Amino acid sequence: MESALGSVWDILFDSLFIFSPLILFNFFRVLPVWFTMIVLVNFHMFLTTSRFLTCIKLESIRRIFVFDKAGRISAVIFYLIPADASAAFSIPSF
């Protein structure tokens, strides 16, 4: 079961979870700003595509957001990048 409010909260907290560490890593120069911009563009493409597909009212789409397999894979990668960067910079150098 999927509700409209639940999908909005899901996207809101996913983006908060992804962008918060990225912005902090940009501030401390752990990750380059261009990487955060790529993630932001990808998130914007997701919102634009979902809006477009719901506006043309495809029969199989009756939701606010459209979650496809490629989008889910990129979201998992975007979750892993801050974790990898954090782990890489917390390992003591010899």
PDB file of N, CA and C in Angstrom:
ATOM      1  N   MET A   1       0.841  -1.172   0.000  1.00  0.00           N
ATOM      2  CA  MET A   1       0.000   0.000   0.000  1.00  0.00           C
ATOM      3  C   MET A   1       0.888   1.237   0.000  1.00  0.00           C
ATOM      4  N   GLU A   2       0.509   2.201  -0.806  1.00  0.00           N
ATOM      5  CA  GLU A   2       1.307   3.406  -0.950  1.00  0.00           C
ATOM      6  C   GLU A   2       0.376   4.615  -0.918  1.00  0.00           C
ATOM      7  N   SER A   3       0.684   5.565  -0.047  1.00  0.00           N
ATOM      8  CA  SER A   3      -0.136   6.769   0.011  1.00  0.00           C
ATOM      9  C   SER A   3       0.643   7.935  -0.585  1.00  0.00           C
ATOM     10  N   ALA A   4      -0.079   8.958  -0.997  1.00  0.00           N
ATOM     11  CA  ALA A   4       0.558  10.135  -1.577  1.00  0.00           C
ATOM     12  C   ALA A   4       1.429  10.833  -0.542  1.00  0.00           C
ATOM     13  N   LEU A   5       0.920  10.972   0.674  1.00  0.00           N
ATOM     14  CA  LEU A   5       1.693  11.636   1.726  1.00  0.00           C
ATOM     15  C   LEU A   5       2.939  10.823   2.074  1.00  0.00           C
ATOM     16  N   GLY A   6       2.820   9.508   2.116  1.00  0.00           N
ATOM     17  CA  GLY A   6       3.966   8.653   2.411  1.00  0.00           C
ATOM     18  C   GLY A   6       5.046   8.766   1.358  1.00  0.00           C
ATOM     19  N   SER A   7       4.672   8.854   0.087  1.00  0.00           N
ATOM     20  CA  SER A   7       5.686   8.976  -0.958  1.00  0.00           C
ATOM     21  C   SER A   7       6.364  10.343  -0.916  1.00  0.00           C
ATOM     22  N   VAL A   8       5.629  11.394  -0.558  1.00  0.00           N
ATOM     23  CA  VAL A   8       6.235  12.723  -0.416  1.00  0.00           C
ATOM     24  C   VAL A   8       7.229  12.729   0.743  1.00  0.00           C
ATOM     25  N   TRP A   9       6.831  12.142   1.890  1.00  0.00           N
ATOM     26  CA  TRP A   9       7.736  12.076   3.038  1.00  0.00           C
ATOM     27  C   TRP A   9       8.960  11.226   2.709  1.00  0.00           C
ATOM     28  N   ASP A  10       8.767  10.160   1.965  1.00  0.00           N
ATOM     29  CA  ASP A  10       9.878   9.297   1.581  1.00  0.00           C
ATOM     30  C   ASP A  10      10.906  10.066   0.753  1.00  0.00           C
ATOM     31  N   ILE A  11      10.450  10.799  -0.242  1.00  0.00           N
ATOM     32  CA  ILE A  11      11.354  11.584  -1.086  1.00  0.00           C
ATOM     33  C   ILE A  11      12.012  12.692  -0.282  1.00  0.00           C
ATOM     34  N   LEU A  12      11.260  13.339   0.598  1.00  0.00           N
ATOM     35  CA  LEU A  12      11.812  14.421   1.411  1.00  0.00           C
ATOM     36  C   LEU A  12      12.946  13.925   2.301  1.00  0.00           C
ATOM     37  N   PHE A  13      12.724  12.828   3.001  1.00  0.00           N
ATOM     38  CA  PHE A  13      13.749  12.325   3.913  1.00  0.00           C
ATOM     39  C   PHE A  13      14.900  11.638   3.179  1.00  0.00           C
ATOM     40  N   ASP A  14      14.619  11.026   2.037  1.00  0.00           N
ATOM     41  CA  ASP A  14      15.712  10.482   1.232  1.00  0.00           C
ATOM     42  C   ASP A  14      16.644  11.597   0.774  1.00  0.00           C
ATOM     43  N   SER A  15      16.067  12.685   0.275  1.00  0.00           N
ATOM     44  CA  SER A  15      16.905  13.790  -0.181  1.00  0.00           C
ATOM     45  C   SER A  15      17.643  14.443   0.987  1.00  0.00           C
ATOM     46  N   LEU A  16      17.004  14.535   2.132  1.00  0.00           N
ATOM     47  CA  LEU A  16      17.676  15.075   3.314  1.00  0.00           C
ATOM     48  C   LEU A  16      18.835  14.179   3.730  1.00  0.00           C
ATOM     49  N   PHE A  17      18.624  12.881   3.690  1.00  0.00           N
ATOM     50  CA  PHE A  17      19.652  11.919   4.070  1.00  0.00           C
ATOM     51  C   PHE A  17      20.827  11.933   3.092  1.00  0.00           C
ATOM     52  N   ILE A  18      20.541  12.160   1.822  1.00  0.00           N
ATOM     53  CA  ILE A  18      21.596  12.171   0.809  1.00  0.00           C
ATOM     54  C   ILE A  18      22.331  13.502   0.781  1.00  0.00           C
ATOM     55  N   PHE A  19      21.585  14.615   0.793  1.00  0.00           N
ATOM     56  CA  PHE A  19      22.220  15.919   0.600  1.00  0.00           C
ATOM     57  C   PHE A  19      22.905  16.463   1.849  1.00  0.00           C
ATOM     58  N   SER A  20      22.467  16.102   3.028  1.00  0.00           N
ATOM     59  CA  SER A  20      23.118  16.608   4.246  1.00  0.00           C
ATOM     60  C   SER A  20      24.592  16.221   4.321  1.00  0.00           C
ATOM     61  N   PRO A  21      24.929  14.939   4.192  1.00  0.00           N
ATOM     62  CA  PRO A  21      26.359  14.615   4.233  1.00  0.00           C
ATOM     63  C   PRO A  21      27.123  15.157   3.034  1.00  0.00           C
ATOM     64  N   LEU A  22      26.485  15.202   1.861  1.00  0.00           N
ATOM     65  CA  LEU A  22      27.193  15.722   0.697  1.00  0.00           C
ATOM     66  C   LEU A  22      27.581  17.184   0.891  1.00  0.00           C
ATOM     67  N   ILE A  23      26.677  17.968   1.440  1.00  0.00           N
ATOM     68  CA  ILE A  23      26.981  19.379   1.680  1.00  0.00           C
ATOM     69  C   ILE A  23      28.073  19.525   2.734  1.00  0.00           C
ATOM     70  N   LEU A  24      28.010  18.712   3.769  1.00  0.00           N
ATOM     71  CA  LEU A  24      29.081  18.749   4.771  1.00  0.00           C
ATOM     72  C   LEU A  24      30.419  18.319   4.174  1.00  0.00           C
ATOM     73  N   PHE A  25      30.412  17.286   3.342  1.00  0.00           N
ATOM     74  CA  PHE A  25      31.650  16.854   2.710  1.00  0.00           C
ATOM     75  C   PHE A  25      32.177  17.912   1.740  1.00  0.00           C
ATOM     76  N   ASN A  26      31.290  18.657   1.096  1.00  0.00           N
ATOM     77  CA  ASN A  26      31.740  19.764   0.249  1.00  0.00           C
ATOM     78  C   ASN A  26      32.377  20.861   1.097  1.00  0.00           C
ATOM     79  N   PHE A  27      31.758  21.147   2.211  1.00  0.00           N
ATOM     80  CA  PHE A  27      32.266  22.196   3.105  1.00  0.00           C
ATOM     81  C   PHE A  27      33.665  21.850   3.622  1.00  0.00           C
ATOM     82  N   PHE A  28      33.878  20.585   3.969  1.00  0.00           N
ATOM     83  CA  PHE A  28      35.177  20.160   4.491  1.00  0.00           C
ATOM     84  C   PHE A  28      36.123  19.651   3.394  1.00  0.00           C
ATOM     85  N   ARG A  29      35.721  19.817   2.130  1.00  0.00           N
ATOM     86  CA  ARG A  29      36.530  19.461   0.966  1.00  0.00           C
ATOM     87  C   ARG A  29      36.893  17.976   0.909  1.00  0.00           C
ATOM     88  N   VAL A  30      35.968  17.153   1.345  1.00  0.00           N
ATOM     89  CA  VAL A  30      36.150  15.716   1.234  1.00  0.00           C
ATOM     90  C   VAL A  30      35.700  15.246  -0.149  1.00  0.00           C
ATOM     91  N   LEU A  31      34.595  15.787  -0.621  1.00  0.00           N
ATOM     92  CA  LEU A  31      34.084  15.505  -1.959  1.00  0.00           C
ATOM     93  C   LEU A  31      34.011  16.808  -2.746  1.00  0.00           C
ATOM     94  N   PRO A  32      34.201  16.741  -4.054  1.00  0.00           N
ATOM     95  CA  PRO A  32      34.100  17.968  -4.860  1.00  0.00           C
ATOM     96  C   PRO A  32      32.643  18.426  -5.018  1.00  0.00           C
ATOM     97  N   VAL A  33      32.475  19.693  -5.229  1.00  0.00           N
ATOM     98  CA  VAL A  33      31.128  20.271  -5.379  1.00  0.00           C
ATOM     99  C   VAL A  33      30.444  19.729  -6.625  1.00  0.00           C
ATOM    100  N   TRP A  34      31.212  19.438  -7.661  1.00  0.00           N
ATOM    101  CA  TRP A  34      30.591  18.954  -8.889  1.00  0.00           C
ATOM    102  C   TRP A  34      29.847  17.644  -8.658  1.00  0.00           C
ATOM    103  N   PHE A  35      30.314  16.824  -7.721  1.00  0.00           N
ATOM    104  CA  PHE A  35      29.613  15.574  -7.448  1.00  0.00           C
ATOM    105  C   PHE A  35      28.234  15.854  -6.851  1.00  0.00           C
ATOM    106  N   THR A  36      28.176  16.790  -5.922  1.00  0.00           N
ATOM    107  CA  THR A  36      26.885  17.161  -5.332  1.00  0.00           C
ATOM    108  C   THR A  36      25.957  17.731  -6.401  1.00  0.00           C
ATOM    109  N   MET A  37      26.514  18.481  -7.337  1.00  0.00           N
ATOM    110  CA  MET A  37      25.691  19.031  -8.414  1.00  0.00           C
ATOM    111  C   MET A  37      25.135  17.921  -9.307  1.00  0.00           C
ATOM    112  N   ILE A  38      25.915  16.878  -9.558  1.00  0.00           N
ATOM    113  CA  ILE A  38      25.423  15.746 -10.355  1.00  0.00           C
ATOM    114  C   ILE A  38      24.263  15.061  -9.630  1.00  0.00           C
ATOM    115  N   VAL A  39      24.392  14.875  -8.336  1.00  0.00           N
ATOM    116  CA  VAL A  39      23.316  14.259  -7.550  1.00  0.00           C
ATOM    117  C   VAL A  39      22.075  15.150  -7.583  1.00  0.00           C
ATOM    118  N   LEU A  40      22.272  16.455  -7.472  1.00  0.00           N
ATOM    119  CA  LEU A  40      21.147  17.397  -7.515  1.00  0.00           C
ATOM    120  C   LEU A  40      20.449  17.361  -8.871  1.00  0.00           C
ATOM    121  N   VAL A  41      21.218  17.311  -9.947  1.00  0.00           N
ATOM    122  CA  VAL A  41      20.625  17.230 -11.291  1.00  0.00           C
ATOM    123  C   VAL A  41      19.855  15.924 -11.448  1.00  0.00           C
ATOM    124  N   ASN A  42      20.404  14.830 -10.943  1.00  0.00           N
ATOM    125  CA  ASN A  42      19.713  13.545 -11.019  1.00  0.00           C
ATOM    126  C   ASN A  42      18.401  13.582 -10.234  1.00  0.00           C
ATOM    127  N   PHE A  43      18.417  14.199  -9.062  1.00  0.00           N
ATOM    128  CA  PHE A  43      17.193  14.329  -8.266  1.00  0.00           C
ATOM    129  C   PHE A  43      16.168  15.199  -8.999  1.00  0.00           C
ATOM    130  N   HIS A  44      16.629  16.269  -9.623  1.00  0.00           N
ATOM    131  CA  HIS A  44      15.731  17.139 -10.391  1.00  0.00           C
ATOM    132  C   HIS A  44      15.146  16.383 -11.584  1.00  0.00           C
ATOM    133  N   MET A  45      15.960  15.554 -12.241  1.00  0.00           N
ATOM    134  CA  MET A  45      15.437  14.759 -13.354  1.00  0.00           C
ATOM    135  C   MET A  45      14.359  13.790 -12.876  1.00  0.00           C
ATOM    136  N   PHE A  46      14.546  13.200 -11.693  1.00  0.00           N
ATOM    137  CA  PHE A  46      13.538  12.306 -11.134  1.00  0.00           C
ATOM    138  C   PHE A  46      12.220  13.053 -10.911  1.00  0.00           C
ATOM    139  N   LEU A  47      12.309  14.247 -10.314  1.00  0.00           N
ATOM    140  CA  LEU A  47      11.088  15.020 -10.063  1.00  0.00           C
ATOM    141  C   LEU A  47      10.410  15.435 -11.368  1.00  0.00           C
ATOM    142  N   THR A  48      11.206  15.861 -12.343  1.00  0.00           N
ATOM    143  CA  THR A  48      10.652  16.298 -13.626  1.00  0.00           C
ATOM    144  C   THR A  48      10.016  15.129 -14.373  1.00  0.00           C
ATOM    145  N   THR A  49      10.691  13.997 -14.394  1.00  0.00           N
ATOM    146  CA  THR A  49      10.143  12.817 -15.071  1.00  0.00           C
ATOM    147  C   THR A  49       8.867  12.339 -14.398  1.00  0.00           C
ATOM    148  N   SER A  50       8.850  12.320 -13.087  1.00  0.00           N
ATOM    149  CA  SER A  50       7.643  11.907 -12.369  1.00  0.00           C
ATOM    150  C   SER A  50       6.488  12.855 -12.664  1.00  0.00           C
ATOM    151  N   ARG A  51       6.786  14.140 -12.676  1.00  0.00           N
ATOM    152  CA  ARG A  51       5.736  15.136 -12.964  1.00  0.00           C
ATOM    153  C   ARG A  51       5.201  14.954 -14.388  1.00  0.00           C
ATOM    154  N   PHE A  52       6.109  14.763 -15.334  1.00  0.00           N
ATOM    155  CA  PHE A  52       5.705  14.575 -16.725  1.00  0.00           C
ATOM    156  C   PHE A  52       4.843  13.327 -16.896  1.00  0.00           C
ATOM    157  N   LEU A  53       5.279  12.213 -16.312  1.00  0.00           N
ATOM    158  CA  LEU A  53       4.537  10.971 -16.482  1.00  0.00           C
ATOM    159  C   LEU A  53       3.175  11.001 -15.798  1.00  0.00           C
ATOM    160  N   THR A  54       3.068  11.708 -14.682  1.00  0.00           N
ATOM    161  CA  THR A  54       1.752  11.803 -14.043  1.00  0.00           C
ATOM    162  C   THR A  54       0.847  12.802 -14.763  1.00  0.00           C
ATOM    163  N   CYS A  55       1.444  13.778 -15.453  1.00  0.00           N
ATOM    164  CA  CYS A  55       0.624  14.740 -16.201  1.00  0.00           C
ATOM    165  C   CYS A  55       0.018  14.136 -17.459  1.00  0.00           C
ATOM    166  N   ILE A  56       0.748  13.234 -18.111  1.00  0.00           N
ATOM    167  CA  ILE A  56       0.182  12.627 -19.320  1.00  0.00           C
ATOM    168  C   ILE A  56      -0.770  11.486 -18.977  1.00  0.00           C
ATOM    169  N   LYS A  57      -0.840  11.153 -17.685  1.00  0.00           N
ATOM    170  CA  LYS A  57      -1.816  10.196 -17.149  1.00  0.00           C
ATOM    171  C   LYS A  57      -1.787   8.846 -17.845  1.00  0.00           C
ATOM    172  N   LEU A  58      -0.630   8.220 -17.769  1.00  0.00           N
ATOM    173  CA  LEU A  58      -0.555   6.846 -18.264  1.00  0.00           C
ATOM    174  C   LEU A  58      -1.440   5.961 -17.403  1.00  0.00           C
ATOM    175  N   GLU A  59      -2.021   4.954 -18.003  1.00  0.00           N
ATOM    176  CA  GLU A  59      -2.960   4.108 -17.274  1.00  0.00           C
ATOM    177  C   GLU A  59      -2.313   3.403 -16.093  1.00  0.00           C
ATOM    178  N   SER A  60      -1.058   2.987 -16.238  1.00  0.00           N
ATOM    179  CA  SER A  60      -0.409   2.220 -15.180  1.00  0.00           C
ATOM    180  C   SER A  60       0.147   3.107 -14.065  1.00  0.00           C
ATOM    181  N   ILE A  61       0.131   4.419 -14.263  1.00  0.00           N
ATOM    182  CA  ILE A  61       0.710   5.325 -13.272  1.00  0.00           C
ATOM    183  C   ILE A  61      -0.405   6.106 -12.589  1.00  0.00           C
ATOM    184  N   ARG A  62      -0.567   5.884 -11.323  1.00  0.00           N
ATOM    185  CA  ARG A  62      -1.577   6.604 -10.546  1.00  0.00           C
ATOM    186  C   ARG A  62      -0.959   7.095  -9.247  1.00  0.00           C
ATOM    187  N   ARG A  63       0.296   7.525  -9.327  1.00  0.00           N
ATOM    188  CA  ARG A  63       1.012   7.972  -8.146  1.00  0.00           C
ATOM    189  C   ARG A  63       1.552   9.381  -8.360  1.00  0.00           C
ATOM    190  N   ILE A  64       2.093   9.951  -7.293  1.00  0.00           N
ATOM    191  CA  ILE A  64       2.730  11.262  -7.405  1.00  0.00           C
ATOM    192  C   ILE A  64       4.112  11.120  -8.019  1.00  0.00           C
ATOM    193  N   PHE A  65       4.873  10.120  -7.575  1.00  0.00           N
ATOM    194  CA  PHE A  65       6.218   9.886  -8.068  1.00  0.00           C
ATOM    195  C   PHE A  65       6.272   8.543  -8.766  1.00  0.00           C
ATOM    196  N   VAL A  66       7.141   8.459  -9.762  1.00  0.00           N
ATOM    197  CA  VAL A  66       7.320   7.220 -10.510  1.00  0.00           C
ATOM    198  C   VAL A  66       8.692   6.662 -10.144  1.00  0.00           C
ATOM    199  N   PHE A  67       8.697   5.488  -9.527  1.00  0.00           N
ATOM    200  CA  PHE A  67       9.936   4.844  -9.106  1.00  0.00           C
ATOM    201  C   PHE A  67      10.246   3.725 -10.090  1.00  0.00           C
ATOM    202  N   ASP A  68      11.350   3.880 -10.824  1.00  0.00           N
ATOM    203  CA  ASP A  68      11.762   2.820 -11.742  1.00  0.00           C
ATOM    204  C   ASP A  68      13.042   2.168 -11.245  1.00  0.00           C
ATOM    205  N   LYS A  69      13.443   1.097 -11.913  1.00  0.00           N
ATOM    206  CA  LYS A  69      14.598   0.326 -11.467  1.00  0.00           C
ATOM    207  C   LYS A  69      15.894   1.140 -11.545  1.00  0.00           C
ATOM    208  N   ALA A  70      16.082   1.907 -12.609  1.00  0.00           N
ATOM    209  CA  ALA A  70      17.307   2.717 -12.755  1.00  0.00           C
ATOM    210  C   ALA A  70      17.374   3.788 -11.666  1.00  0.00           C
ATOM    211  N   GLY A  71      16.260   4.375 -11.326  1.00  0.00           N
ATOM    212  CA  GLY A  71      16.227   5.380 -10.269  1.00  0.00           C
ATOM    213  C   GLY A  71      16.553   4.791  -8.913  1.00  0.00           C
ATOM    214  N   ARG A  72      16.075   3.590  -8.673  1.00  0.00           N
ATOM    215  CA  ARG A  72      16.372   2.926  -7.390  1.00  0.00           C
ATOM    216  C   ARG A  72      17.853   2.576  -7.286  1.00  0.00           C
ATOM    217  N   ILE A  73      18.445   2.152  -8.393  1.00  0.00           N
ATOM    218  CA  ILE A  73      19.870   1.827  -8.384  1.00  0.00           C
ATOM    219  C   ILE A  73      20.700   3.080  -8.134  1.00  0.00           C
ATOM    220  N   SER A  74      20.360   4.178  -8.808  1.00  0.00           N
ATOM    221  CA  SER A  74      21.117   5.418  -8.579  1.00  0.00           C
ATOM    222  C   SER A  74      20.922   5.929  -7.156  1.00  0.00           C
ATOM    223  N   ALA A  75      19.755   5.759  -6.581  1.00  0.00           N
ATOM    224  CA  ALA A  75      19.532   6.187  -5.192  1.00  0.00           C
ATOM    225  C   ALA A  75      20.411   5.386  -4.234  1.00  0.00           C
ATOM    226  N   VAL A  76      20.528   4.087  -4.474  1.00  0.00           N
ATOM    227  CA  VAL A  76      21.394   3.264  -3.616  1.00  0.00           C
ATOM    228  C   VAL A  76      22.843   3.722  -3.738  1.00  0.00           C
ATOM    229  N   ILE A  77      23.280   4.023  -4.954  1.00  0.00           N
ATOM    230  CA  ILE A  77      24.648   4.513  -5.151  1.00  0.00           C
ATOM    231  C   ILE A  77      24.841   5.833  -4.428  1.00  0.00           C
ATOM    232  N   PHE A  78      23.846   6.722  -4.493  1.00  0.00           N
ATOM    233  CA  PHE A  78      23.970   8.014  -3.816  1.00  0.00           C
ATOM    234  C   PHE A  78      23.954   7.860  -2.299  1.00  0.00           C
ATOM    235  N   TYR A  79      23.324   6.799  -1.794  1.00  0.00           N
ATOM    236  CA  TYR A  79      23.398   6.508  -0.362  1.00  0.00           C
ATOM    237  C   TYR A  79      24.792   6.030   0.022  1.00  0.00           C
ATOM    238  N   LEU A  80      25.419   5.255  -0.856  1.00  0.00           N
ATOM    239  CA  LEU A  80      26.699   4.650  -0.537  1.00  0.00           C
ATOM    240  C   LEU A  80      27.883   5.615  -0.641  1.00  0.00           C
ATOM    241  N   ILE A  81      27.812   6.605  -1.511  1.00  0.00           N
ATOM    242  CA  ILE A  81      28.944   7.518  -1.709  1.00  0.00           C
ATOM    243  C   ILE A  81      29.307   8.258  -0.422  1.00  0.00           C
ATOM    244  N   PRO A  82      28.359   8.896   0.313  1.00  0.00           N
ATOM    245  CA  PRO A  82      28.759   9.546   1.570  1.00  0.00           C
ATOM    246  C   PRO A  82      29.317   8.558   2.592  1.00  0.00           C
ATOM    247  N   ALA A  83      28.773   7.354   2.637  1.00  0.00           N
ATOM    248  CA  ALA A  83      29.284   6.357   3.575  1.00  0.00           C
ATOM    249  C   ALA A  83      30.707   5.954   3.203  1.00  0.00           C
ATOM    250  N   ASP A  84      30.964   5.765   1.920  1.00  0.00           N
ATOM    251  CA  ASP A  84      32.312   5.421   1.475  1.00  0.00           C
ATOM    252  C   ASP A  84      33.297   6.555   1.743  1.00  0.00           C
ATOM    253  N   ALA A  85      32.884   7.779   1.470  1.00  0.00           N
ATOM    254  CA  ALA A  85      33.762   8.924   1.715  1.00  0.00           C
ATOM    255  C   ALA A  85      34.059   9.066   3.200  1.00  0.00           C
ATOM    256  N   SER A  86      33.066   8.857   4.015  1.00  0.00           N
ATOM    257  CA  SER A  86      33.261   8.933   5.465  1.00  0.00           C
ATOM    258  C   SER A  86      34.209   7.853   5.950  1.00  0.00           C
ATOM    259  N   ALA A  87      34.041   6.649   5.447  1.00  0.00           N
ATOM    260  CA  ALA A  87      34.917   5.549   5.848  1.00  0.00           C
ATOM    261  C   ALA A  87      36.335   5.786   5.358  1.00  0.00           C
ATOM    262  N   ALA A  88      36.483   6.311   4.153  1.00  0.00           N
ATOM    263  CA  ALA A  88      37.811   6.540   3.595  1.00  0.00           C
ATOM    264  C   ALA A  88      38.580   7.602   4.373  1.00  0.00           C
ATOM    265  N   PHE A  89      37.888   8.611   4.857  1.00  0.00           N
ATOM    266  CA  PHE A  89      38.573   9.678   5.561  1.00  0.00           C
ATOM    267  C   PHE A  89      38.677   9.446   7.066  1.00  0.00           C
ATOM    268  N   SER A  90      38.080   8.373   7.546  1.00  0.00           N
ATOM    269  CA  SER A  90      38.204   8.075   8.985  1.00  0.00           C
ATOM    270  C   SER A  90      39.277   7.029   9.245  1.00  0.00           C
ATOM    271  N   ILE A  91      39.808   6.427   8.183  1.00  0.00           N
ATOM    272  CA  ILE A  91      40.878   5.450   8.337  1.00  0.00           C
ATOM    273  C   ILE A  91      42.190   6.200   8.558  1.00  0.00           C
ATOM    274  N   PRO A  92      42.902   5.890   9.630  1.00  0.00           N
ATOM    275  CA  PRO A  92      44.156   6.612   9.871  1.00  0.00           C
ATOM    276  C   PRO A  92      45.211   6.287   8.818  1.00  0.00           C
ATOM    277  N   SER A  93      45.924   7.299   8.387  1.00  0.00           N
ATOM    278  CA  SER A  93      46.973   7.092   7.390  1.00  0.00           C
ATOM    279  C   SER A  93      48.281   6.761   8.088  1.00  0.00           C
ATOM    280  N   PHE A  94      49.115   6.004   7.416  1.00  0.00           N
ATOM    281  CA  PHE A  94      50.392   5.570   8.011  1.00  0.00           C
ATOM    282  C   PHE A  94      51.530   6.430   7.539  1.00  0.00           C
TER     283      PHE A  94
END
